[in-house]
Amino acid sequence: MTYHKFTWQYSLCKTNFMKNLGPNAQATILYSQIKKLQKELLEGLKKQGVFIKFEKDLSALLKKEKISQETFEVLKMFMGKERPTNIAGQIELMMDRTIEKFIKTNKQHQTNHILLTLTNEGDLCRDQYCYPMRGEGMRLKILRAMIGYSTYRKTREIMDDVSLTSAESFRDAIGSINRKARLALKLPAGTNNNLILSKSHSGYMINPLYPITQD
C-alpha cells in the first residue's frame, strides 16, 4: 500500500468516525485540534508577530470537518466570553470570531437557522431587522443571562443572575421579549418558534433556531 493511499484511507476513516459522534464529542475533538493550532502559533509568534496564518489554518479546519450547527454551539461555549488581557487571550478571541464568521458565511450551516447578533449597545439584529433592547434594562439582562447555554436554565438561576425576585415579573418579561422579537425581527409564528423557549420544571433557553452572536 502506497503512502498516499494509506493517508487517504486514514482520512476517510477519521471523517466517518467524526460523523458518528455526537455534538459534544465532536466539539471536544475539534477544541483539542484548535488548541494544538494555538500552541503552534504561539511558538511561531515571536518570529512572525501576525495572526494571519492561524486564521487561515482554523478556517481550513472548520471547512474540512463539515460539522453541524449543534457542534458549533458547544464549541463556542468552550471558547469562553471573557475579554482577553494577553496574547493567548487575544488568540482565543480570534478563534471565537473566526468560528462566528465561518457560520455566517457557510451556507451549509444556515439551513433552518436564523442568525442573530446582539450589539454592544444592546440591540438584537437580524440582517436589516433590529429589535432595540438597549432601553429595556431587565429584558436585556435576561436575554444576556441565557446566551451561551445550549440547554434549559433553571428559572431561579436566571432570576438570581439578573437580581429579579418576582416570578410573575420574570414571566411577563419573557413574554414581552418573545412578542417584540417576533414583530421586530420577522420571526416565524408559533410557540415552537419563540425566541425564548420554556419547559416545565426545566426553565428557559434561547431557541436553537436562533443562534445569537455578540459584537
N, C-alpha and C. Protein backbone atom coordinates (compact mmCIF):
# COMPACT_ATOMS: atom_id res chain seq x y z
N MET A 1 0.84 -1.20 0.00
CA MET A 1 0.00 0.00 0.00
C MET A 1 0.88 1.25 0.00
N THR A 2 0.63 2.17 -0.94
CA THR A 2 1.43 3.37 -1.01
C THR A 2 1.09 4.30 0.15
N TYR A 3 2.01 5.24 0.41
CA TYR A 3 1.81 6.19 1.50
C TYR A 3 0.57 7.04 1.25
N HIS A 4 0.40 7.52 0.00
CA HIS A 4 -0.74 8.39 -0.31
C HIS A 4 -2.06 7.63 -0.16
N LYS A 5 -2.10 6.35 -0.56
CA LYS A 5 -3.32 5.56 -0.41
C LYS A 5 -3.64 5.35 1.05
N PHE A 6 -2.61 5.07 1.84
CA PHE A 6 -2.82 4.88 3.27
C PHE A 6 -3.35 6.17 3.91
N THR A 7 -2.75 7.31 3.53
CA THR A 7 -3.18 8.60 4.07
C THR A 7 -4.63 8.89 3.71
N TRP A 8 -5.03 8.58 2.46
CA TRP A 8 -6.41 8.81 2.02
C TRP A 8 -7.37 7.95 2.82
N GLN A 9 -7.03 6.66 3.03
CA GLN A 9 -7.90 5.76 3.78
C GLN A 9 -8.00 6.20 5.23
N TYR A 10 -6.88 6.66 5.78
CA TYR A 10 -6.90 7.13 7.17
C TYR A 10 -7.80 8.35 7.31
N SER A 11 -7.68 9.28 6.35
CA SER A 11 -8.50 10.48 6.39
C SER A 11 -9.98 10.13 6.26
N LEU A 12 -10.31 9.16 5.38
CA LEU A 12 -11.70 8.74 5.20
C LEU A 12 -12.25 8.12 6.48
N CYS A 13 -11.45 7.27 7.13
CA CYS A 13 -11.89 6.63 8.38
C CYS A 13 -12.11 7.69 9.46
N LYS A 14 -11.21 8.69 9.51
CA LYS A 14 -11.33 9.75 10.50
C LYS A 14 -12.60 10.56 10.28
N THR A 15 -12.91 10.86 9.01
CA THR A 15 -14.11 11.63 8.69
C THR A 15 -15.37 10.85 9.09
N ASN A 16 -15.41 9.55 8.77
CA ASN A 16 -16.56 8.72 9.14
C ASN A 16 -16.70 8.62 10.65
N PHE A 17 -15.54 8.57 11.34
CA PHE A 17 -15.56 8.50 12.80
C PHE A 17 -16.19 9.75 13.39
N MET A 18 -15.81 10.93 12.84
CA MET A 18 -16.36 12.19 13.34
C MET A 18 -17.87 12.26 13.11
N LYS A 19 -18.32 11.77 11.96
CA LYS A 19 -19.75 11.83 11.64
C LYS A 19 -20.58 11.01 12.61
N ASN A 20 -19.99 9.94 13.17
CA ASN A 20 -20.73 9.05 14.05
C ASN A 20 -20.75 9.55 15.49
N LEU A 21 -20.04 10.63 15.78
CA LEU A 21 -20.00 11.17 17.13
C LEU A 21 -21.09 12.21 17.34
N GLY A 22 -21.49 12.40 18.59
CA GLY A 22 -22.46 13.44 18.91
C GLY A 22 -21.78 14.79 18.93
N PRO A 23 -22.58 15.89 19.04
CA PRO A 23 -22.00 17.24 19.01
C PRO A 23 -21.01 17.52 20.12
N ASN A 24 -21.24 16.97 21.33
CA ASN A 24 -20.30 17.21 22.43
C ASN A 24 -18.95 16.57 22.15
N ALA A 25 -18.97 15.33 21.65
CA ALA A 25 -17.71 14.64 21.34
C ALA A 25 -17.00 15.32 20.18
N GLN A 26 -17.77 15.73 19.14
CA GLN A 26 -17.16 16.41 18.00
C GLN A 26 -16.51 17.71 18.43
N ALA A 27 -17.24 18.48 19.26
CA ALA A 27 -16.70 19.76 19.71
C ALA A 27 -15.45 19.56 20.56
N THR A 28 -15.42 18.50 21.39
CA THR A 28 -14.25 18.23 22.22
C THR A 28 -13.03 17.93 21.37
N ILE A 29 -13.21 17.09 20.34
CA ILE A 29 -12.10 16.76 19.45
C ILE A 29 -11.63 18.00 18.69
N LEU A 30 -12.58 18.78 18.19
CA LEU A 30 -12.22 19.99 17.45
C LEU A 30 -11.50 20.99 18.36
N TYR A 31 -11.95 21.07 19.60
CA TYR A 31 -11.33 22.00 20.54
C TYR A 31 -9.86 21.63 20.77
N SER A 32 -9.58 20.32 20.90
CA SER A 32 -8.19 19.89 21.10
C SER A 32 -7.36 20.20 19.86
N GLN A 33 -7.98 20.07 18.66
CA GLN A 33 -7.25 20.39 17.44
C GLN A 33 -6.97 21.89 17.34
N ILE A 34 -7.97 22.69 17.73
CA ILE A 34 -7.79 24.14 17.71
C ILE A 34 -6.72 24.57 18.70
N LYS A 35 -6.72 23.96 19.89
CA LYS A 35 -5.70 24.28 20.89
C LYS A 35 -4.31 23.90 20.39
N LYS A 36 -4.23 22.82 19.61
CA LYS A 36 -2.95 22.43 19.02
C LYS A 36 -2.48 23.50 18.05
N LEU A 37 -3.44 24.01 17.23
CA LEU A 37 -3.10 25.10 16.32
C LEU A 37 -2.65 26.33 17.10
N GLN A 38 -3.31 26.59 18.22
CA GLN A 38 -2.94 27.73 19.06
C GLN A 38 -1.52 27.59 19.58
N LYS A 39 -1.17 26.39 20.02
CA LYS A 39 0.17 26.15 20.54
C LYS A 39 1.21 26.37 19.46
N GLU A 40 0.91 25.84 18.26
CA GLU A 40 1.84 26.00 17.14
C GLU A 40 2.03 27.48 16.80
N LEU A 41 0.92 28.24 16.86
CA LEU A 41 1.02 29.66 16.55
C LEU A 41 1.84 30.39 17.61
N LEU A 42 1.61 30.08 18.87
CA LEU A 42 2.35 30.74 19.93
C LEU A 42 3.85 30.53 19.79
N GLU A 43 4.23 29.31 19.35
CA GLU A 43 5.64 29.01 19.18
C GLU A 43 6.26 29.84 18.05
N GLY A 44 5.42 30.19 17.05
CA GLY A 44 5.94 30.97 15.93
C GLY A 44 5.69 32.46 16.03
N LEU A 45 4.93 32.90 17.05
CA LEU A 45 4.57 34.31 17.17
C LEU A 45 5.79 35.21 17.35
N LYS A 46 6.78 34.74 18.10
CA LYS A 46 7.95 35.57 18.36
C LYS A 46 8.69 35.91 17.07
N LYS A 47 8.57 35.00 16.08
CA LYS A 47 9.23 35.24 14.81
C LYS A 47 8.33 35.97 13.82
N GLN A 48 7.03 35.63 13.83
CA GLN A 48 6.12 36.18 12.84
C GLN A 48 5.45 37.47 13.29
N GLY A 49 4.88 37.45 14.50
CA GLY A 49 4.19 38.63 15.00
C GLY A 49 2.84 38.89 14.36
N VAL A 50 2.26 37.91 13.65
CA VAL A 50 0.97 38.11 12.99
C VAL A 50 0.09 36.89 13.23
N PHE A 51 -1.23 37.08 13.02
CA PHE A 51 -2.19 36.01 13.25
C PHE A 51 -2.78 35.46 11.95
N ILE A 52 -2.31 35.95 10.80
CA ILE A 52 -2.92 35.60 9.53
C ILE A 52 -2.86 34.09 9.27
N LYS A 53 -1.71 33.48 9.50
CA LYS A 53 -1.55 32.05 9.22
C LYS A 53 -2.52 31.23 10.06
N PHE A 54 -2.65 31.60 11.32
CA PHE A 54 -3.53 30.82 12.20
C PHE A 54 -4.99 30.91 11.76
N GLU A 55 -5.42 32.12 11.38
CA GLU A 55 -6.82 32.28 10.96
C GLU A 55 -7.11 31.43 9.73
N LYS A 56 -6.15 31.36 8.79
CA LYS A 56 -6.33 30.54 7.60
C LYS A 56 -6.39 29.06 7.97
N ASP A 57 -5.50 28.63 8.88
CA ASP A 57 -5.49 27.23 9.30
C ASP A 57 -6.78 26.85 10.01
N LEU A 58 -7.28 27.76 10.84
CA LEU A 58 -8.51 27.49 11.58
C LEU A 58 -9.70 27.41 10.62
N SER A 59 -9.77 28.33 9.68
CA SER A 59 -10.86 28.30 8.70
C SER A 59 -10.81 27.01 7.89
N ALA A 60 -9.59 26.59 7.53
CA ALA A 60 -9.44 25.34 6.77
C ALA A 60 -9.91 24.15 7.59
N LEU A 61 -9.61 24.15 8.89
CA LEU A 61 -10.03 23.05 9.76
C LEU A 61 -11.55 22.97 9.84
N LEU A 62 -12.20 24.11 10.04
CA LEU A 62 -13.66 24.14 10.16
C LEU A 62 -14.33 23.71 8.86
N LYS A 63 -13.76 24.14 7.74
CA LYS A 63 -14.33 23.78 6.44
C LYS A 63 -14.16 22.29 6.17
N LYS A 64 -13.03 21.72 6.55
CA LYS A 64 -12.74 20.32 6.27
C LYS A 64 -13.63 19.39 7.08
N GLU A 65 -13.89 19.73 8.35
CA GLU A 65 -14.62 18.81 9.23
C GLU A 65 -16.11 18.75 8.90
N LYS A 66 -16.66 19.84 8.31
CA LYS A 66 -18.08 19.88 7.94
C LYS A 66 -18.98 19.49 9.12
N ILE A 67 -18.79 20.15 10.26
CA ILE A 67 -19.52 19.80 11.48
C ILE A 67 -20.88 20.51 11.52
N SER A 68 -21.73 20.05 12.42
CA SER A 68 -23.11 20.54 12.49
C SER A 68 -23.21 21.84 13.28
N GLN A 69 -24.36 22.52 13.13
CA GLN A 69 -24.62 23.75 13.88
C GLN A 69 -24.59 23.47 15.38
N GLU A 70 -25.14 22.31 15.80
CA GLU A 70 -25.17 21.97 17.22
C GLU A 70 -23.75 21.85 17.77
N THR A 71 -22.85 21.27 16.99
CA THR A 71 -21.46 21.15 17.42
C THR A 71 -20.82 22.52 17.55
N PHE A 72 -21.13 23.42 16.62
CA PHE A 72 -20.60 24.77 16.70
C PHE A 72 -21.04 25.45 18.00
N GLU A 73 -22.31 25.25 18.38
CA GLU A 73 -22.82 25.88 19.59
C GLU A 73 -22.04 25.41 20.82
N VAL A 74 -21.76 24.09 20.91
CA VAL A 74 -20.97 23.55 22.03
C VAL A 74 -19.55 24.09 21.98
N LEU A 75 -18.97 24.15 20.78
CA LEU A 75 -17.60 24.62 20.60
C LEU A 75 -17.47 26.07 21.05
N LYS A 76 -18.46 26.89 20.73
CA LYS A 76 -18.42 28.29 21.14
C LYS A 76 -18.45 28.43 22.66
N MET A 77 -19.18 27.53 23.34
CA MET A 77 -19.22 27.57 24.79
C MET A 77 -17.85 27.30 25.39
N PHE A 78 -17.08 26.39 24.75
CA PHE A 78 -15.73 26.10 25.23
C PHE A 78 -14.83 27.33 25.17
N MET A 79 -15.10 28.21 24.20
CA MET A 79 -14.20 29.33 23.97
C MET A 79 -14.26 30.38 25.08
N GLY A 80 -15.37 30.47 25.78
CA GLY A 80 -15.48 31.44 26.86
C GLY A 80 -15.89 32.81 26.37
N LYS A 81 -16.17 33.72 27.29
CA LYS A 81 -16.69 35.04 26.93
C LYS A 81 -15.85 36.19 27.49
N GLU A 82 -14.87 35.92 28.34
CA GLU A 82 -14.15 37.00 29.00
C GLU A 82 -13.26 37.75 28.00
N ARG A 83 -13.13 39.05 28.22
CA ARG A 83 -12.30 39.88 27.35
C ARG A 83 -10.83 39.54 27.59
N PRO A 84 -10.05 39.27 26.54
CA PRO A 84 -8.65 38.85 26.70
C PRO A 84 -7.75 39.95 27.22
N THR A 85 -6.75 39.58 28.01
CA THR A 85 -5.80 40.55 28.56
C THR A 85 -4.38 40.22 28.17
N ASN A 86 -4.16 39.14 27.42
CA ASN A 86 -2.82 38.77 27.00
C ASN A 86 -2.86 38.18 25.59
N ILE A 87 -1.70 37.78 25.08
CA ILE A 87 -1.63 37.26 23.71
C ILE A 87 -2.48 36.01 23.55
N ALA A 88 -2.39 35.08 24.52
CA ALA A 88 -3.18 33.85 24.43
C ALA A 88 -4.67 34.17 24.41
N GLY A 89 -5.08 35.16 25.20
CA GLY A 89 -6.48 35.56 25.22
C GLY A 89 -6.92 36.18 23.92
N GLN A 90 -6.02 36.96 23.30
CA GLN A 90 -6.33 37.56 22.01
C GLN A 90 -6.55 36.47 20.96
N ILE A 91 -5.73 35.42 21.01
CA ILE A 91 -5.89 34.32 20.06
C ILE A 91 -7.21 33.61 20.30
N GLU A 92 -7.56 33.42 21.58
CA GLU A 92 -8.83 32.77 21.92
C GLU A 92 -10.00 33.56 21.35
N LEU A 93 -9.93 34.88 21.48
CA LEU A 93 -10.99 35.74 20.94
C LEU A 93 -11.04 35.64 19.42
N MET A 94 -9.88 35.60 18.78
CA MET A 94 -9.83 35.48 17.34
C MET A 94 -10.43 34.16 16.88
N MET A 95 -10.16 33.07 17.62
CA MET A 95 -10.75 31.78 17.29
C MET A 95 -12.27 31.87 17.31
N ASP A 96 -12.79 32.51 18.36
CA ASP A 96 -14.24 32.61 18.50
C ASP A 96 -14.83 33.41 17.35
N ARG A 97 -14.19 34.53 16.99
CA ARG A 97 -14.70 35.36 15.91
C ARG A 97 -14.61 34.65 14.56
N THR A 98 -13.53 33.87 14.38
CA THR A 98 -13.38 33.14 13.13
C THR A 98 -14.49 32.11 12.97
N ILE A 99 -14.82 31.43 14.08
CA ILE A 99 -15.90 30.43 14.05
C ILE A 99 -17.22 31.12 13.73
N GLU A 100 -17.47 32.28 14.37
CA GLU A 100 -18.71 33.00 14.10
C GLU A 100 -18.78 33.41 12.63
N LYS A 101 -17.67 33.91 12.09
CA LYS A 101 -17.65 34.34 10.70
C LYS A 101 -17.87 33.15 9.76
N PHE A 102 -17.31 32.01 10.12
CA PHE A 102 -17.47 30.81 9.30
C PHE A 102 -18.93 30.39 9.26
N ILE A 103 -19.59 30.44 10.42
CA ILE A 103 -21.01 30.05 10.49
C ILE A 103 -21.85 30.98 9.61
N LYS A 104 -21.57 32.28 9.67
CA LYS A 104 -22.38 33.25 8.93
C LYS A 104 -22.19 33.13 7.42
N THR A 105 -20.98 32.76 6.98
CA THR A 105 -20.70 32.75 5.54
C THR A 105 -20.84 31.38 4.91
N ASN A 106 -20.94 30.31 5.71
CA ASN A 106 -21.05 28.96 5.16
C ASN A 106 -22.52 28.57 5.08
N LYS A 107 -23.06 28.47 3.87
CA LYS A 107 -24.48 28.20 3.68
C LYS A 107 -24.90 26.85 4.25
N GLN A 108 -23.93 25.93 4.38
CA GLN A 108 -24.25 24.60 4.92
C GLN A 108 -24.84 24.70 6.32
N HIS A 109 -24.43 25.74 7.08
CA HIS A 109 -24.86 25.87 8.47
C HIS A 109 -25.96 26.92 8.64
N GLN A 110 -26.53 27.40 7.54
CA GLN A 110 -27.57 28.40 7.65
C GLN A 110 -28.96 27.83 7.41
N THR A 111 -29.05 26.58 6.95
CA THR A 111 -30.34 25.96 6.69
C THR A 111 -31.14 25.83 7.99
N ASN A 112 -32.37 26.31 7.97
CA ASN A 112 -33.28 26.20 9.11
C ASN A 112 -32.83 27.00 10.32
N HIS A 113 -31.87 27.89 10.16
CA HIS A 113 -31.44 28.73 11.27
C HIS A 113 -31.52 30.19 10.86
N ILE A 114 -31.88 31.05 11.83
CA ILE A 114 -31.88 32.48 11.61
C ILE A 114 -30.83 33.07 12.55
N LEU A 115 -29.74 33.57 11.99
CA LEU A 115 -28.63 34.06 12.79
C LEU A 115 -28.92 35.47 13.29
N LEU A 116 -28.74 35.68 14.60
CA LEU A 116 -28.98 36.97 15.22
C LEU A 116 -27.68 37.50 15.84
N THR A 117 -27.62 38.82 15.97
CA THR A 117 -26.45 39.46 16.59
C THR A 117 -26.92 40.43 17.65
N LEU A 118 -26.32 40.34 18.83
CA LEU A 118 -26.60 41.29 19.91
C LEU A 118 -25.44 42.27 19.97
N THR A 119 -25.71 43.53 19.68
CA THR A 119 -24.64 44.53 19.64
C THR A 119 -24.21 44.92 21.05
N ASN A 120 -23.07 45.59 21.13
CA ASN A 120 -22.58 46.06 22.43
C ASN A 120 -23.56 47.04 23.06
N GLU A 121 -24.28 47.77 22.21
CA GLU A 121 -25.25 48.76 22.72
C GLU A 121 -26.52 48.09 23.24
N GLY A 122 -26.74 46.84 22.85
CA GLY A 122 -27.92 46.13 23.35
C GLY A 122 -29.03 45.99 22.34
N ASP A 123 -28.72 46.06 21.05
CA ASP A 123 -29.73 45.87 20.02
C ASP A 123 -29.60 44.47 19.43
N LEU A 124 -30.73 43.77 19.32
CA LEU A 124 -30.75 42.43 18.75
C LEU A 124 -31.13 42.54 17.28
N CYS A 125 -30.24 42.10 16.40
CA CYS A 125 -30.44 42.36 14.97
C CYS A 125 -30.40 41.08 14.14
N ARG A 126 -31.16 41.15 13.03
CA ARG A 126 -31.17 40.08 12.03
C ARG A 126 -31.14 40.75 10.66
N ASP A 127 -29.99 40.69 10.01
CA ASP A 127 -29.84 41.35 8.72
C ASP A 127 -30.31 42.81 8.82
N GLN A 128 -31.37 43.17 8.07
CA GLN A 128 -31.84 44.56 8.07
C GLN A 128 -32.85 44.84 9.18
N TYR A 129 -33.24 43.80 9.93
CA TYR A 129 -34.21 43.99 11.00
C TYR A 129 -33.50 44.15 12.35
N CYS A 130 -34.13 44.89 13.25
CA CYS A 130 -33.50 45.13 14.55
C CYS A 130 -34.54 45.31 15.65
N TYR A 131 -34.27 44.70 16.80
CA TYR A 131 -35.09 44.84 17.99
C TYR A 131 -34.26 45.66 18.99
N PRO A 132 -34.54 46.96 19.14
CA PRO A 132 -33.74 47.81 20.02
C PRO A 132 -34.01 47.52 21.50
N MET A 133 -33.11 46.76 22.12
CA MET A 133 -33.30 46.38 23.52
C MET A 133 -32.50 47.25 24.48
N ARG A 134 -31.74 48.20 23.94
CA ARG A 134 -30.86 48.98 24.79
C ARG A 134 -31.60 49.74 25.89
N GLY A 135 -32.87 50.03 25.65
CA GLY A 135 -33.65 50.75 26.66
C GLY A 135 -34.52 49.85 27.50
N GLU A 136 -34.34 48.53 27.38
CA GLU A 136 -35.18 47.58 28.11
C GLU A 136 -34.34 46.82 29.14
N GLY A 137 -33.75 47.57 30.04
CA GLY A 137 -32.79 47.07 31.01
C GLY A 137 -32.94 45.63 31.47
N MET A 138 -34.07 45.30 32.14
CA MET A 138 -34.24 43.97 32.71
C MET A 138 -34.39 42.92 31.62
N ARG A 139 -35.12 43.22 30.57
CA ARG A 139 -35.29 42.25 29.48
C ARG A 139 -33.95 41.94 28.81
N LEU A 140 -33.14 42.97 28.63
CA LEU A 140 -31.82 42.77 28.05
C LEU A 140 -30.94 41.91 28.96
N LYS A 141 -31.01 42.14 30.25
CA LYS A 141 -30.24 41.34 31.20
C LYS A 141 -30.66 39.87 31.15
N ILE A 142 -31.97 39.65 31.05
CA ILE A 142 -32.48 38.28 31.00
C ILE A 142 -31.97 37.57 29.74
N LEU A 143 -32.02 38.27 28.61
CA LEU A 143 -31.54 37.66 27.37
C LEU A 143 -30.05 37.33 27.47
N ARG A 144 -29.26 38.28 27.96
CA ARG A 144 -27.82 38.03 28.09
C ARG A 144 -27.53 36.86 29.02
N ALA A 145 -28.38 36.66 30.03
CA ALA A 145 -28.16 35.58 31.01
C ALA A 145 -28.38 34.21 30.39
N MET A 146 -29.02 34.15 29.22
CA MET A 146 -29.29 32.86 28.59
C MET A 146 -28.40 32.58 27.38
N ILE A 147 -27.72 33.60 26.89
CA ILE A 147 -26.85 33.42 25.73
C ILE A 147 -25.66 32.55 26.11
N GLY A 148 -25.35 31.57 25.28
CA GLY A 148 -24.21 30.70 25.54
C GLY A 148 -24.58 29.38 26.19
N TYR A 149 -25.86 29.24 26.56
CA TYR A 149 -26.32 27.98 27.17
C TYR A 149 -27.09 27.18 26.12
N SER A 150 -26.67 25.94 25.92
CA SER A 150 -27.30 25.10 24.90
C SER A 150 -28.45 24.27 25.46
N THR A 151 -28.68 24.34 26.78
CA THR A 151 -29.78 23.62 27.41
C THR A 151 -30.57 24.60 28.28
N TYR A 152 -31.67 24.12 28.82
CA TYR A 152 -32.52 24.97 29.65
C TYR A 152 -31.79 25.38 30.93
N ARG A 153 -32.01 26.64 31.32
CA ARG A 153 -31.51 27.14 32.61
C ARG A 153 -32.68 27.24 33.57
N LYS A 154 -32.44 26.89 34.80
CA LYS A 154 -33.49 26.99 35.81
C LYS A 154 -33.92 28.44 35.97
N THR A 155 -35.24 28.62 36.16
CA THR A 155 -35.79 29.96 36.30
C THR A 155 -35.11 30.72 37.43
N ARG A 156 -34.94 30.05 38.56
CA ARG A 156 -34.35 30.71 39.71
C ARG A 156 -32.91 31.14 39.45
N GLU A 157 -32.15 30.36 38.67
CA GLU A 157 -30.78 30.72 38.35
C GLU A 157 -30.74 32.02 37.54
N ILE A 158 -31.62 32.11 36.56
CA ILE A 158 -31.66 33.31 35.72
C ILE A 158 -32.09 34.51 36.55
N MET A 159 -33.11 34.32 37.37
CA MET A 159 -33.59 35.42 38.20
C MET A 159 -32.51 35.91 39.15
N ASP A 160 -31.75 34.99 39.71
CA ASP A 160 -30.66 35.38 40.60
C ASP A 160 -29.59 36.16 39.85
N ASP A 161 -29.31 35.73 38.61
CA ASP A 161 -28.28 36.40 37.80
C ASP A 161 -28.65 37.85 37.51
N VAL A 162 -29.94 38.10 37.31
CA VAL A 162 -30.38 39.45 36.94
C VAL A 162 -30.97 40.21 38.13
N SER A 163 -30.87 39.62 39.33
CA SER A 163 -31.35 40.24 40.57
C SER A 163 -32.84 40.57 40.50
N LEU A 164 -33.63 39.58 40.06
CA LEU A 164 -35.08 39.73 39.98
C LEU A 164 -35.72 38.77 40.97
N THR A 165 -36.68 39.26 41.77
CA THR A 165 -37.29 38.43 42.81
C THR A 165 -38.70 37.98 42.47
N SER A 166 -39.36 38.66 41.57
CA SER A 166 -40.76 38.35 41.23
C SER A 166 -40.82 37.39 40.05
N ALA A 167 -41.36 36.18 40.30
CA ALA A 167 -41.52 35.20 39.22
C ALA A 167 -42.51 35.70 38.17
N GLU A 168 -43.53 36.42 38.62
CA GLU A 168 -44.53 36.94 37.69
C GLU A 168 -43.91 37.98 36.75
N SER A 169 -43.09 38.86 37.33
CA SER A 169 -42.41 39.87 36.51
C SER A 169 -41.47 39.20 35.50
N PHE A 170 -40.84 38.11 35.93
CA PHE A 170 -39.94 37.39 35.04
C PHE A 170 -40.70 36.79 33.86
N ARG A 171 -41.82 36.14 34.14
CA ARG A 171 -42.63 35.55 33.06
C ARG A 171 -43.15 36.62 32.11
N ASP A 172 -43.56 37.76 32.67
CA ASP A 172 -44.05 38.86 31.82
C ASP A 172 -42.92 39.37 30.91
N ALA A 173 -41.71 39.44 31.44
CA ALA A 173 -40.57 39.92 30.66
C ALA A 173 -40.27 38.96 29.52
N ILE A 174 -40.33 37.65 29.78
CA ILE A 174 -40.10 36.65 28.73
C ILE A 174 -41.15 36.78 27.63
N GLY A 175 -42.41 36.92 28.04
CA GLY A 175 -43.49 37.07 27.06
C GLY A 175 -43.30 38.31 26.21
N SER A 176 -42.89 39.39 26.83
CA SER A 176 -42.68 40.64 26.09
C SER A 176 -41.53 40.51 25.10
N ILE A 177 -40.43 39.86 25.53
CA ILE A 177 -39.28 39.65 24.64
C ILE A 177 -39.70 38.86 23.41
N ASN A 178 -40.46 37.79 23.64
CA ASN A 178 -40.89 36.94 22.52
C ASN A 178 -41.80 37.70 21.55
N ARG A 179 -42.72 38.47 22.10
CA ARG A 179 -43.64 39.22 21.23
C ARG A 179 -42.90 40.26 20.40
N LYS A 180 -42.05 41.04 21.07
CA LYS A 180 -41.34 42.12 20.37
C LYS A 180 -40.33 41.56 19.37
N ALA A 181 -39.67 40.47 19.74
CA ALA A 181 -38.69 39.87 18.84
C ALA A 181 -39.36 39.34 17.58
N ARG A 182 -40.54 38.71 17.74
CA ARG A 182 -41.24 38.17 16.58
C ARG A 182 -41.63 39.29 15.61
N LEU A 183 -42.12 40.40 16.16
CA LEU A 183 -42.55 41.51 15.31
C LEU A 183 -41.37 42.24 14.69
N ALA A 184 -40.37 42.58 15.51
CA ALA A 184 -39.25 43.39 15.03
C ALA A 184 -38.31 42.62 14.11
N LEU A 185 -38.11 41.32 14.39
CA LEU A 185 -37.15 40.53 13.63
C LEU A 185 -37.80 39.65 12.57
N LYS A 186 -39.13 39.76 12.47
CA LYS A 186 -39.88 38.97 11.48
C LYS A 186 -39.64 37.47 11.66
N LEU A 187 -39.75 37.00 12.90
CA LEU A 187 -39.55 35.58 13.18
C LEU A 187 -40.82 34.80 12.86
N PRO A 188 -40.70 33.51 12.57
CA PRO A 188 -41.88 32.69 12.26
C PRO A 188 -42.85 32.65 13.43
N ALA A 189 -44.14 32.52 13.12
CA ALA A 189 -45.16 32.44 14.16
C ALA A 189 -45.17 31.04 14.77
N GLY A 190 -45.76 30.93 15.96
CA GLY A 190 -45.87 29.64 16.63
C GLY A 190 -45.01 29.57 17.88
N THR A 191 -45.54 28.90 18.90
CA THR A 191 -44.83 28.80 20.18
C THR A 191 -43.46 28.16 20.02
N ASN A 192 -43.35 27.15 19.16
CA ASN A 192 -42.07 26.47 18.95
C ASN A 192 -41.04 27.36 18.27
N ASN A 193 -41.51 28.49 17.71
CA ASN A 193 -40.60 29.42 17.04
C ASN A 193 -40.30 30.65 17.88
N ASN A 194 -40.71 30.65 19.15
CA ASN A 194 -40.39 31.76 20.03
C ASN A 194 -38.88 31.92 20.17
N LEU A 195 -38.43 33.15 20.37
CA LEU A 195 -37.01 33.39 20.59
C LEU A 195 -36.54 32.67 21.86
N ILE A 196 -37.37 32.73 22.89
CA ILE A 196 -37.05 32.06 24.16
C ILE A 196 -38.06 30.96 24.41
N LEU A 197 -37.56 29.75 24.62
CA LEU A 197 -38.42 28.60 24.88
C LEU A 197 -38.52 28.36 26.38
N SER A 198 -39.65 27.82 26.81
CA SER A 198 -39.83 27.47 28.22
C SER A 198 -40.27 26.02 28.31
N LYS A 199 -39.90 25.38 29.41
CA LYS A 199 -40.27 23.99 29.64
C LYS A 199 -40.49 23.78 31.12
N SER A 200 -41.64 23.21 31.44
CA SER A 200 -41.98 23.00 32.84
C SER A 200 -40.91 22.19 33.56
N HIS A 201 -40.52 22.67 34.74
CA HIS A 201 -39.52 22.03 35.61
C HIS A 201 -38.10 22.07 35.04
N SER A 202 -37.93 22.68 33.85
CA SER A 202 -36.60 22.78 33.26
C SER A 202 -36.11 24.22 33.21
N GLY A 203 -37.02 25.14 32.88
CA GLY A 203 -36.64 26.54 32.84
C GLY A 203 -36.78 27.14 31.46
N TYR A 204 -35.78 27.95 31.09
CA TYR A 204 -35.83 28.69 29.84
C TYR A 204 -34.51 28.58 29.08
N MET A 205 -34.60 28.76 27.75
CA MET A 205 -33.40 28.74 26.94
C MET A 205 -33.65 29.51 25.64
N ILE A 206 -32.55 29.97 25.00
CA ILE A 206 -32.65 30.57 23.68
C ILE A 206 -32.98 29.46 22.69
N ASN A 207 -33.95 29.71 21.82
CA ASN A 207 -34.33 28.71 20.81
C ASN A 207 -33.13 28.40 19.92
N PRO A 208 -32.76 27.11 19.77
CA PRO A 208 -31.62 26.74 18.91
C PRO A 208 -31.77 27.18 17.47
N LEU A 209 -33.01 27.53 17.06
CA LEU A 209 -33.22 28.03 15.70
C LEU A 209 -32.58 29.40 15.50
N TYR A 210 -32.26 30.10 16.61
CA TYR A 210 -31.76 31.45 16.51
C TYR A 210 -30.41 31.60 17.24
N PRO A 211 -29.33 31.10 16.65
CA PRO A 211 -28.01 31.30 17.27
C PRO A 211 -27.71 32.79 17.40
N ILE A 212 -27.30 33.21 18.59
CA ILE A 212 -27.03 34.63 18.85
C ILE A 212 -25.53 34.84 19.07
N THR A 213 -24.96 35.73 18.28
CA THR A 213 -23.57 36.12 18.48
C THR A 213 -23.56 37.52 19.09
N GLN A 214 -22.46 37.83 19.77
CA GLN A 214 -22.33 39.14 20.40
C GLN A 214 -21.15 39.88 19.82
N ASP A 215 -21.37 41.17 19.52
CA ASP A 215 -20.27 42.01 18.99
C ASP A 215 -19.22 42.22 20.09
